[in-house]
Amino acid sequence: GAVYQGTVENGIVRGEGTFSFANGDVYSGEVEDGTMHGKRKYIYRDKRVYDGEFVLGMKEGNGVFKYSDSSQYTGTFRDDQFHGDGEYLFADGSKYIGEFRNGSFNGQGQLEYSDGSLYKGAFKNDLPHGVGVFSSSDGSVYEGEFDKGRRNGVGKLTLANGAVYEGSFEDDELISTQ
């Protein structure tokens, strides 16, 4: 069970309060009819922290979710998941800015890798998928189609030395030229 400290009106938990859960999690903020509701903070026992909006006990609206490894998501939530526009900072310094659906990179976005590489384009389930541009830290640039994170379909690869390869790619390899 949970221990509650805060406002109780006519026997109903409502207003400002703190829930301390048996598993070690702590919620501090607004409560509506005994449920987390409004803008406040939820601290997980493993040191993750959510600071943002709740609707009927679920993360909903704008918020910040910080992980114990220093990764962090800032953006919108729906049904307890990253959903809508947001920014995800990875512990290694990589950064994704763009659209999220159901907790994953889905839609248009850009991913800046810690080595200086950059992908701009379509994502599906956290991977480049669809049309995009990948600029590698080695100076090469691929413009074209991606499938599950790999160059697949029609594309153009320009190497750092200026050599250009256009054609069809499969599993990151050029299989035919135009």
N, C-alpha and C. Protein backbone atom coordinates (compact mmCIF):
# COMPACT_ATOMS: atom_id res chain seq x y z
N GLY A 1 0.80 -1.18 0.00
CA GLY A 1 0.00 0.00 0.00
C GLY A 1 0.85 1.25 0.00
N ALA A 2 0.19 2.36 0.04
CA ALA A 2 0.85 3.66 0.03
C ALA A 2 0.49 4.44 1.28
N VAL A 3 1.41 5.28 1.71
CA VAL A 3 1.16 6.18 2.83
C VAL A 3 0.97 7.57 2.24
N TYR A 4 -0.10 8.24 2.63
CA TYR A 4 -0.41 9.57 2.10
C TYR A 4 -0.31 10.60 3.21
N GLN A 5 0.35 11.71 2.89
CA GLN A 5 0.38 12.86 3.79
C GLN A 5 -0.09 14.06 2.99
N GLY A 6 -1.12 14.71 3.44
CA GLY A 6 -1.60 15.88 2.73
C GLY A 6 -3.05 16.17 3.02
N THR A 7 -3.67 16.88 2.10
CA THR A 7 -5.04 17.36 2.27
C THR A 7 -6.05 16.24 2.04
N VAL A 8 -7.03 16.17 2.95
CA VAL A 8 -8.15 15.25 2.82
C VAL A 8 -9.41 16.08 3.05
N GLU A 9 -10.32 16.06 2.09
CA GLU A 9 -11.57 16.81 2.21
C GLU A 9 -12.74 15.84 2.23
N ASN A 10 -13.49 15.87 3.31
CA ASN A 10 -14.65 14.98 3.46
C ASN A 10 -14.29 13.52 3.21
N GLY A 11 -13.13 13.11 3.72
CA GLY A 11 -12.70 11.72 3.59
C GLY A 11 -12.09 11.37 2.24
N ILE A 12 -11.97 12.37 1.35
CA ILE A 12 -11.41 12.12 0.01
C ILE A 12 -10.06 12.81 -0.10
N VAL A 13 -9.04 12.05 -0.55
CA VAL A 13 -7.70 12.60 -0.76
C VAL A 13 -7.77 13.56 -1.93
N ARG A 14 -7.45 14.85 -1.65
CA ARG A 14 -7.61 15.88 -2.67
C ARG A 14 -6.71 17.06 -2.30
N GLY A 15 -6.13 17.72 -3.31
CA GLY A 15 -5.29 18.89 -3.07
C GLY A 15 -3.81 18.55 -3.14
N GLU A 16 -3.02 19.18 -2.28
CA GLU A 16 -1.57 18.94 -2.24
C GLU A 16 -1.26 17.80 -1.29
N GLY A 17 -0.35 16.92 -1.72
CA GLY A 17 0.03 15.83 -0.83
C GLY A 17 1.19 15.02 -1.36
N THR A 18 1.59 14.05 -0.55
CA THR A 18 2.70 13.16 -0.90
C THR A 18 2.28 11.72 -0.67
N PHE A 19 2.47 10.89 -1.70
CA PHE A 19 2.28 9.45 -1.59
C PHE A 19 3.66 8.81 -1.47
N SER A 20 3.85 7.98 -0.47
CA SER A 20 5.06 7.17 -0.34
C SER A 20 4.63 5.73 -0.54
N PHE A 21 5.09 5.13 -1.64
CA PHE A 21 4.65 3.78 -2.00
C PHE A 21 5.55 2.72 -1.38
N ALA A 22 5.02 1.53 -1.18
CA ALA A 22 5.75 0.42 -0.56
C ALA A 22 7.02 0.06 -1.33
N ASN A 23 7.02 0.27 -2.65
CA ASN A 23 8.19 -0.08 -3.46
C ASN A 23 9.30 0.97 -3.39
N GLY A 24 9.07 2.07 -2.67
CA GLY A 24 10.08 3.12 -2.52
C GLY A 24 9.84 4.34 -3.39
N ASP A 25 8.90 4.30 -4.33
CA ASP A 25 8.57 5.45 -5.15
C ASP A 25 7.87 6.52 -4.31
N VAL A 26 8.04 7.79 -4.70
CA VAL A 26 7.40 8.90 -3.99
C VAL A 26 6.80 9.85 -5.01
N TYR A 27 5.53 10.22 -4.80
CA TYR A 27 4.87 11.24 -5.61
C TYR A 27 4.56 12.40 -4.70
N SER A 28 4.92 13.60 -5.15
CA SER A 28 4.63 14.80 -4.38
C SER A 28 3.96 15.80 -5.31
N GLY A 29 2.71 16.15 -5.00
CA GLY A 29 2.02 17.10 -5.86
C GLY A 29 0.54 17.12 -5.66
N GLU A 30 -0.16 17.47 -6.73
CA GLU A 30 -1.61 17.61 -6.69
C GLU A 30 -2.28 16.25 -6.77
N VAL A 31 -3.38 16.13 -6.03
CA VAL A 31 -4.14 14.89 -6.00
C VAL A 31 -5.61 15.23 -6.21
N GLU A 32 -6.28 14.44 -7.04
CA GLU A 32 -7.70 14.64 -7.33
C GLU A 32 -8.41 13.31 -7.08
N ASP A 33 -9.30 13.27 -6.12
CA ASP A 33 -10.05 12.06 -5.79
C ASP A 33 -9.13 10.85 -5.57
N GLY A 34 -8.01 11.08 -4.87
CA GLY A 34 -7.10 10.00 -4.53
C GLY A 34 -6.13 9.59 -5.62
N THR A 35 -6.13 10.33 -6.75
CA THR A 35 -5.28 9.99 -7.89
C THR A 35 -4.35 11.15 -8.21
N MET A 36 -3.11 10.82 -8.63
CA MET A 36 -2.15 11.84 -9.04
C MET A 36 -2.76 12.61 -10.21
N HIS A 37 -2.84 13.93 -10.08
CA HIS A 37 -3.50 14.72 -11.10
C HIS A 37 -3.00 16.16 -10.98
N GLY A 38 -2.46 16.69 -12.09
CA GLY A 38 -1.91 18.05 -12.06
C GLY A 38 -0.41 18.00 -12.30
N LYS A 39 0.26 19.10 -12.03
CA LYS A 39 1.70 19.19 -12.28
C LYS A 39 2.47 18.98 -10.99
N ARG A 40 3.36 17.99 -11.01
CA ARG A 40 4.22 17.74 -9.86
C ARG A 40 5.32 16.74 -10.19
N LYS A 41 5.92 16.17 -9.13
CA LYS A 41 7.11 15.34 -9.27
C LYS A 41 6.85 13.93 -8.75
N TYR A 42 7.41 12.95 -9.51
CA TYR A 42 7.36 11.55 -9.11
C TYR A 42 8.79 11.04 -9.11
N ILE A 43 9.24 10.54 -7.96
CA ILE A 43 10.61 10.03 -7.82
C ILE A 43 10.55 8.52 -7.65
N TYR A 44 11.20 7.80 -8.58
CA TYR A 44 11.23 6.34 -8.54
C TYR A 44 12.36 5.87 -7.62
N ARG A 45 12.22 4.70 -7.07
CA ARG A 45 13.23 4.19 -6.13
C ARG A 45 14.59 4.01 -6.80
N ASP A 46 14.63 3.82 -8.13
CA ASP A 46 15.91 3.66 -8.84
C ASP A 46 16.50 5.01 -9.27
N LYS A 47 15.98 6.09 -8.71
CA LYS A 47 16.47 7.47 -8.89
C LYS A 47 16.02 8.13 -10.20
N ARG A 48 15.14 7.49 -10.97
CA ARG A 48 14.53 8.20 -12.10
C ARG A 48 13.57 9.23 -11.53
N VAL A 49 13.38 10.33 -12.26
CA VAL A 49 12.50 11.40 -11.77
C VAL A 49 11.64 11.90 -12.93
N TYR A 50 10.35 12.00 -12.70
CA TYR A 50 9.44 12.64 -13.65
C TYR A 50 8.93 13.91 -13.00
N ASP A 51 9.08 15.02 -13.70
CA ASP A 51 8.57 16.30 -13.21
C ASP A 51 7.68 16.86 -14.32
N GLY A 52 6.39 16.82 -14.08
CA GLY A 52 5.48 17.26 -15.13
C GLY A 52 4.03 17.07 -14.77
N GLU A 53 3.22 16.94 -15.80
CA GLU A 53 1.77 16.88 -15.63
C GLU A 53 1.27 15.45 -15.55
N PHE A 54 0.26 15.26 -14.70
CA PHE A 54 -0.45 13.99 -14.57
C PHE A 54 -1.92 14.23 -14.85
N VAL A 55 -2.56 13.27 -15.49
CA VAL A 55 -4.01 13.27 -15.65
C VAL A 55 -4.49 11.88 -15.26
N LEU A 56 -5.30 11.83 -14.23
CA LEU A 56 -5.86 10.58 -13.72
C LEU A 56 -4.78 9.53 -13.48
N GLY A 57 -3.67 9.96 -12.87
CA GLY A 57 -2.61 9.04 -12.47
C GLY A 57 -1.59 8.71 -13.54
N MET A 58 -1.73 9.26 -14.74
CA MET A 58 -0.80 8.95 -15.82
C MET A 58 -0.07 10.21 -16.28
N LYS A 59 1.19 10.02 -16.73
CA LYS A 59 1.94 11.15 -17.30
C LYS A 59 1.22 11.59 -18.57
N GLU A 60 0.86 12.87 -18.60
CA GLU A 60 0.05 13.40 -19.71
C GLU A 60 0.34 14.89 -19.81
N GLY A 61 0.68 15.37 -21.02
CA GLY A 61 1.00 16.78 -21.19
C GLY A 61 2.50 16.98 -21.20
N ASN A 62 2.95 18.13 -20.73
CA ASN A 62 4.38 18.47 -20.76
C ASN A 62 5.09 17.96 -19.52
N GLY A 63 6.34 17.51 -19.74
CA GLY A 63 7.12 17.04 -18.60
C GLY A 63 8.56 16.76 -18.95
N VAL A 64 9.32 16.44 -17.91
CA VAL A 64 10.73 16.08 -18.04
C VAL A 64 10.91 14.76 -17.30
N PHE A 65 11.53 13.78 -17.98
CA PHE A 65 11.80 12.48 -17.37
C PHE A 65 13.31 12.29 -17.36
N LYS A 66 13.89 12.19 -16.16
CA LYS A 66 15.34 12.04 -16.01
C LYS A 66 15.66 10.62 -15.54
N TYR A 67 16.64 10.02 -16.20
CA TYR A 67 17.09 8.68 -15.85
C TYR A 67 18.31 8.76 -14.94
N SER A 68 18.59 7.70 -14.21
CA SER A 68 19.71 7.69 -13.27
C SER A 68 21.06 7.77 -13.98
N ASP A 69 21.13 7.42 -15.28
CA ASP A 69 22.40 7.51 -16.03
C ASP A 69 22.61 8.89 -16.66
N SER A 70 21.75 9.85 -16.34
CA SER A 70 21.75 11.24 -16.81
C SER A 70 21.08 11.42 -18.17
N SER A 71 20.54 10.36 -18.78
CA SER A 71 19.71 10.53 -19.97
C SER A 71 18.46 11.30 -19.56
N GLN A 72 17.86 12.02 -20.52
CA GLN A 72 16.70 12.84 -20.16
C GLN A 72 15.81 13.08 -21.37
N TYR A 73 14.51 12.98 -21.14
CA TYR A 73 13.51 13.34 -22.16
C TYR A 73 12.79 14.59 -21.68
N THR A 74 12.63 15.55 -22.59
CA THR A 74 11.85 16.75 -22.33
C THR A 74 10.85 16.89 -23.45
N GLY A 75 9.57 16.95 -23.12
CA GLY A 75 8.56 17.09 -24.16
C GLY A 75 7.19 16.70 -23.68
N THR A 76 6.38 16.22 -24.62
CA THR A 76 5.00 15.88 -24.29
C THR A 76 4.85 14.37 -24.06
N PHE A 77 3.85 14.07 -23.22
CA PHE A 77 3.52 12.69 -22.86
C PHE A 77 2.06 12.44 -23.18
N ARG A 78 1.76 11.19 -23.48
CA ARG A 78 0.37 10.74 -23.61
C ARG A 78 0.30 9.30 -23.13
N ASP A 79 -0.65 9.01 -22.29
CA ASP A 79 -0.83 7.65 -21.75
C ASP A 79 0.45 7.09 -21.15
N ASP A 80 1.16 7.92 -20.38
CA ASP A 80 2.38 7.51 -19.67
C ASP A 80 3.59 7.30 -20.59
N GLN A 81 3.52 7.72 -21.86
CA GLN A 81 4.62 7.51 -22.80
C GLN A 81 5.03 8.82 -23.47
N PHE A 82 6.30 8.87 -23.95
CA PHE A 82 6.75 10.00 -24.76
C PHE A 82 5.86 10.02 -26.00
N HIS A 83 5.25 11.16 -26.27
CA HIS A 83 4.33 11.21 -27.42
C HIS A 83 4.15 12.67 -27.83
N GLY A 84 4.50 12.98 -29.08
CA GLY A 84 4.44 14.35 -29.57
C GLY A 84 5.85 14.86 -29.79
N ASP A 85 6.02 16.16 -29.73
CA ASP A 85 7.34 16.75 -29.94
C ASP A 85 8.16 16.65 -28.66
N GLY A 86 9.46 16.32 -28.83
CA GLY A 86 10.31 16.22 -27.66
C GLY A 86 11.77 16.18 -28.01
N GLU A 87 12.57 16.12 -26.95
CA GLU A 87 14.02 16.06 -27.08
C GLU A 87 14.52 15.00 -26.11
N TYR A 88 15.37 14.10 -26.62
CA TYR A 88 15.94 13.05 -25.78
C TYR A 88 17.45 13.22 -25.78
N LEU A 89 18.03 13.43 -24.61
CA LEU A 89 19.47 13.54 -24.45
C LEU A 89 19.99 12.22 -23.89
N PHE A 90 20.95 11.62 -24.59
CA PHE A 90 21.53 10.35 -24.16
C PHE A 90 22.70 10.59 -23.22
N ALA A 91 23.03 9.61 -22.41
CA ALA A 91 24.13 9.72 -21.46
C ALA A 91 25.46 9.96 -22.17
N ASP A 92 25.62 9.47 -23.41
CA ASP A 92 26.89 9.64 -24.15
C ASP A 92 26.99 10.99 -24.86
N GLY A 93 25.96 11.83 -24.72
CA GLY A 93 25.98 13.16 -25.34
C GLY A 93 25.20 13.23 -26.65
N SER A 94 24.76 12.09 -27.18
CA SER A 94 23.92 12.11 -28.38
C SER A 94 22.59 12.78 -28.05
N LYS A 95 21.91 13.31 -29.09
CA LYS A 95 20.66 14.03 -28.85
C LYS A 95 19.70 13.82 -30.01
N TYR A 96 18.45 13.47 -29.68
CA TYR A 96 17.38 13.37 -30.68
C TYR A 96 16.39 14.49 -30.42
N ILE A 97 16.02 15.19 -31.49
CA ILE A 97 14.98 16.22 -31.42
C ILE A 97 13.96 15.89 -32.51
N GLY A 98 12.70 15.76 -32.12
CA GLY A 98 11.70 15.47 -33.13
C GLY A 98 10.43 14.88 -32.56
N GLU A 99 9.79 14.07 -33.39
CA GLU A 99 8.50 13.49 -33.04
C GLU A 99 8.65 12.14 -32.35
N PHE A 100 7.78 11.93 -31.36
CA PHE A 100 7.70 10.66 -30.64
C PHE A 100 6.28 10.14 -30.77
N ARG A 101 6.14 8.83 -30.87
CA ARG A 101 4.84 8.17 -30.79
C ARG A 101 5.01 6.91 -29.97
N ASN A 102 4.14 6.72 -29.00
CA ASN A 102 4.14 5.52 -28.17
C ASN A 102 5.50 5.22 -27.56
N GLY A 103 6.20 6.26 -27.12
CA GLY A 103 7.46 6.08 -26.42
C GLY A 103 8.70 5.96 -27.28
N SER A 104 8.57 6.02 -28.60
CA SER A 104 9.70 5.84 -29.52
C SER A 104 9.84 6.99 -30.48
N PHE A 105 11.04 7.11 -31.09
CA PHE A 105 11.24 8.08 -32.17
C PHE A 105 10.38 7.60 -33.34
N ASN A 106 9.39 8.37 -33.70
CA ASN A 106 8.51 8.03 -34.81
C ASN A 106 8.06 9.33 -35.45
N GLY A 107 8.32 9.47 -36.76
CA GLY A 107 8.00 10.70 -37.46
C GLY A 107 9.27 11.40 -37.88
N GLN A 108 9.21 12.71 -38.04
CA GLN A 108 10.37 13.48 -38.47
C GLN A 108 11.23 13.89 -37.27
N GLY A 109 12.54 13.85 -37.48
CA GLY A 109 13.43 14.25 -36.40
C GLY A 109 14.87 14.30 -36.86
N GLN A 110 15.72 14.63 -35.91
CA GLN A 110 17.15 14.60 -36.19
C GLN A 110 17.86 14.01 -34.99
N LEU A 111 18.88 13.19 -35.29
CA LEU A 111 19.66 12.53 -34.26
C LEU A 111 21.11 12.94 -34.43
N GLU A 112 21.62 13.65 -33.43
CA GLU A 112 23.02 14.07 -33.41
C GLU A 112 23.77 13.06 -32.56
N TYR A 113 24.70 12.34 -33.18
CA TYR A 113 25.47 11.32 -32.48
C TYR A 113 26.65 11.95 -31.74
N SER A 114 27.13 11.29 -30.71
CA SER A 114 28.22 11.82 -29.91
C SER A 114 29.52 11.94 -30.70
N ASP A 115 29.66 11.17 -31.81
CA ASP A 115 30.88 11.26 -32.63
C ASP A 115 30.82 12.39 -33.66
N GLY A 116 29.72 13.14 -33.68
CA GLY A 116 29.57 14.25 -34.62
C GLY A 116 28.74 13.93 -35.84
N SER A 117 28.38 12.67 -36.04
CA SER A 117 27.50 12.29 -37.14
C SER A 117 26.10 12.84 -36.90
N LEU A 118 25.33 13.01 -37.98
CA LEU A 118 23.99 13.58 -37.88
C LEU A 118 23.06 12.92 -38.88
N TYR A 119 21.89 12.51 -38.40
CA TYR A 119 20.83 12.00 -39.29
C TYR A 119 19.64 12.93 -39.17
N LYS A 120 19.11 13.35 -40.33
CA LYS A 120 17.88 14.16 -40.37
C LYS A 120 16.92 13.45 -41.32
N GLY A 121 15.71 13.23 -40.83
CA GLY A 121 14.72 12.60 -41.69
C GLY A 121 13.66 11.85 -40.91
N ALA A 122 13.13 10.80 -41.53
CA ALA A 122 12.03 10.02 -40.96
C ALA A 122 12.57 8.92 -40.04
N PHE A 123 11.80 8.67 -38.97
CA PHE A 123 12.12 7.61 -38.01
C PHE A 123 10.91 6.71 -37.83
N LYS A 124 11.19 5.46 -37.50
CA LYS A 124 10.15 4.51 -37.12
C LYS A 124 10.74 3.59 -36.06
N ASN A 125 10.08 3.50 -34.91
CA ASN A 125 10.53 2.65 -33.81
C ASN A 125 12.00 2.88 -33.46
N ASP A 126 12.37 4.14 -33.30
CA ASP A 126 13.71 4.57 -32.87
C ASP A 126 14.80 4.47 -33.94
N LEU A 127 14.47 4.07 -35.16
CA LEU A 127 15.48 3.91 -36.20
C LEU A 127 15.17 4.78 -37.41
N PRO A 128 16.23 5.24 -38.13
CA PRO A 128 15.98 5.91 -39.41
C PRO A 128 15.18 4.98 -40.32
N HIS A 129 14.08 5.49 -40.84
CA HIS A 129 13.19 4.66 -41.67
C HIS A 129 12.38 5.59 -42.57
N GLY A 130 12.59 5.46 -43.88
CA GLY A 130 11.98 6.38 -44.83
C GLY A 130 13.08 7.20 -45.47
N VAL A 131 12.78 8.41 -45.85
CA VAL A 131 13.75 9.27 -46.53
C VAL A 131 14.49 10.13 -45.50
N GLY A 132 15.83 10.21 -45.69
CA GLY A 132 16.63 11.02 -44.78
C GLY A 132 18.02 11.28 -45.31
N VAL A 133 18.78 12.04 -44.54
CA VAL A 133 20.16 12.37 -44.87
C VAL A 133 21.02 12.03 -43.66
N PHE A 134 22.07 11.21 -43.90
CA PHE A 134 23.01 10.86 -42.85
C PHE A 134 24.36 11.45 -43.20
N SER A 135 24.83 12.36 -42.35
CA SER A 135 26.15 12.98 -42.51
C SER A 135 27.07 12.36 -41.48
N SER A 136 28.04 11.58 -41.95
CA SER A 136 28.94 10.86 -41.07
C SER A 136 30.07 11.77 -40.57
N SER A 137 30.61 11.43 -39.43
CA SER A 137 31.74 12.20 -38.88
C SER A 137 32.98 12.06 -39.76
N ASP A 138 33.01 11.06 -40.65
CA ASP A 138 34.16 10.90 -41.56
C ASP A 138 34.05 11.79 -42.80
N GLY A 139 32.95 12.57 -42.89
CA GLY A 139 32.77 13.50 -44.00
C GLY A 139 31.89 12.98 -45.13
N SER A 140 31.52 11.71 -45.11
CA SER A 140 30.64 11.17 -46.15
C SER A 140 29.19 11.54 -45.84
N VAL A 141 28.38 11.63 -46.91
CA VAL A 141 26.97 11.98 -46.77
C VAL A 141 26.13 11.02 -47.62
N TYR A 142 25.11 10.42 -47.00
CA TYR A 142 24.15 9.58 -47.73
C TYR A 142 22.81 10.27 -47.70
N GLU A 143 22.21 10.45 -48.89
CA GLU A 143 20.87 11.02 -49.02
C GLU A 143 20.02 9.97 -49.71
N GLY A 144 18.93 9.55 -49.06
CA GLY A 144 18.09 8.56 -49.70
C GLY A 144 17.19 7.84 -48.73
N GLU A 145 16.89 6.59 -49.09
CA GLU A 145 15.93 5.80 -48.34
C GLU A 145 16.62 4.92 -47.30
N PHE A 146 15.94 4.80 -46.16
CA PHE A 146 16.40 3.95 -45.06
C PHE A 146 15.30 2.97 -44.70
N ASP A 147 15.70 1.80 -44.24
CA ASP A 147 14.76 0.79 -43.76
C ASP A 147 15.36 0.19 -42.48
N LYS A 148 14.69 0.36 -41.38
CA LYS A 148 15.13 -0.17 -40.08
C LYS A 148 16.58 0.21 -39.76
N GLY A 149 16.93 1.47 -40.04
CA GLY A 149 18.23 1.99 -39.68
C GLY A 149 19.34 1.76 -40.69
N ARG A 150 19.04 1.09 -41.78
CA ARG A 150 20.06 0.79 -42.78
C ARG A 150 19.71 1.44 -44.12
N ARG A 151 20.75 1.72 -44.93
CA ARG A 151 20.50 2.27 -46.27
C ARG A 151 19.86 1.17 -47.11
N ASN A 152 18.64 1.40 -47.51
CA ASN A 152 17.88 0.44 -48.33
C ASN A 152 17.00 1.24 -49.26
N GLY A 153 17.15 0.99 -50.57
CA GLY A 153 16.37 1.71 -51.57
C GLY A 153 17.27 2.63 -52.37
N VAL A 154 16.66 3.62 -53.00
CA VAL A 154 17.40 4.54 -53.87
C VAL A 154 18.11 5.58 -53.02
N GLY A 155 19.39 5.84 -53.37
CA GLY A 155 20.13 6.83 -52.60
C GLY A 155 21.37 7.31 -53.32
N LYS A 156 21.99 8.29 -52.70
CA LYS A 156 23.22 8.89 -53.22
C LYS A 156 24.21 8.99 -52.08
N LEU A 157 25.39 8.39 -52.27
CA LEU A 157 26.45 8.43 -51.27
C LEU A 157 27.59 9.27 -51.81
N THR A 158 27.91 10.34 -51.08
CA THR A 158 29.04 11.19 -51.44
C THR A 158 30.11 11.00 -50.38
N LEU A 159 31.27 10.49 -50.81
CA LEU A 159 32.37 10.25 -49.88
C LEU A 159 33.12 11.55 -49.59
N ALA A 160 33.92 11.56 -48.54
CA ALA A 160 34.67 12.74 -48.14
C ALA A 160 35.64 13.19 -49.24
N ASN A 161 36.12 12.25 -50.07
CA ASN A 161 37.05 12.59 -51.14
C ASN A 161 36.35 13.14 -52.39
N GLY A 162 35.01 13.24 -52.33
CA GLY A 162 34.24 13.78 -53.45
C GLY A 162 33.63 12.74 -54.37
N ALA A 163 34.02 11.48 -54.24
CA ALA A 163 33.45 10.41 -55.07
C ALA A 163 31.96 10.28 -54.77
N VAL A 164 31.15 10.11 -55.83
CA VAL A 164 29.70 10.03 -55.69
C VAL A 164 29.20 8.70 -56.25
N TYR A 165 28.36 8.02 -55.50
CA TYR A 165 27.75 6.76 -55.90
C TYR A 165 26.25 6.91 -55.77
N GLU A 166 25.55 6.75 -56.90
CA GLU A 166 24.09 6.82 -56.91
C GLU A 166 23.53 5.52 -57.40
N GLY A 167 22.45 5.08 -56.77
CA GLY A 167 21.82 3.84 -57.21
C GLY A 167 20.95 3.24 -56.13
N SER A 168 20.89 1.90 -56.18
CA SER A 168 20.08 1.15 -55.22
C SER A 168 20.98 0.55 -54.15
N PHE A 169 20.52 0.71 -52.89
CA PHE A 169 21.25 0.18 -51.75
C PHE A 169 20.44 -0.91 -51.09
N GLU A 170 21.15 -1.90 -50.54
CA GLU A 170 20.51 -2.96 -49.79
C GLU A 170 21.41 -3.28 -48.60
N ASP A 171 20.84 -3.24 -47.40
CA ASP A 171 21.61 -3.49 -46.17
C ASP A 171 22.92 -2.71 -46.13
N ASP A 172 22.85 -1.42 -46.43
CA ASP A 172 23.97 -0.48 -46.39
C ASP A 172 24.96 -0.63 -47.54
N GLU A 173 24.72 -1.55 -48.49
CA GLU A 173 25.65 -1.76 -49.61
C GLU A 173 25.02 -1.29 -50.92
N LEU A 174 25.83 -0.66 -51.77
CA LEU A 174 25.38 -0.28 -53.11
C LEU A 174 25.30 -1.54 -53.95
N ILE A 175 24.11 -1.85 -54.51
CA ILE A 175 23.95 -3.08 -55.28
C ILE A 175 23.80 -2.82 -56.78
N SER A 176 23.41 -1.60 -57.16
CA SER A 176 23.35 -1.25 -58.58
C SER A 176 23.42 0.25 -58.71
N THR A 177 24.03 0.71 -59.80
CA THR A 177 24.16 2.15 -60.04
C THR A 177 23.16 2.58 -61.08
N GLN A 178 22.91 3.90 -61.07
CA GLN A 178 21.95 4.45 -62.04
C GLN A 178 22.67 4.90 -63.28
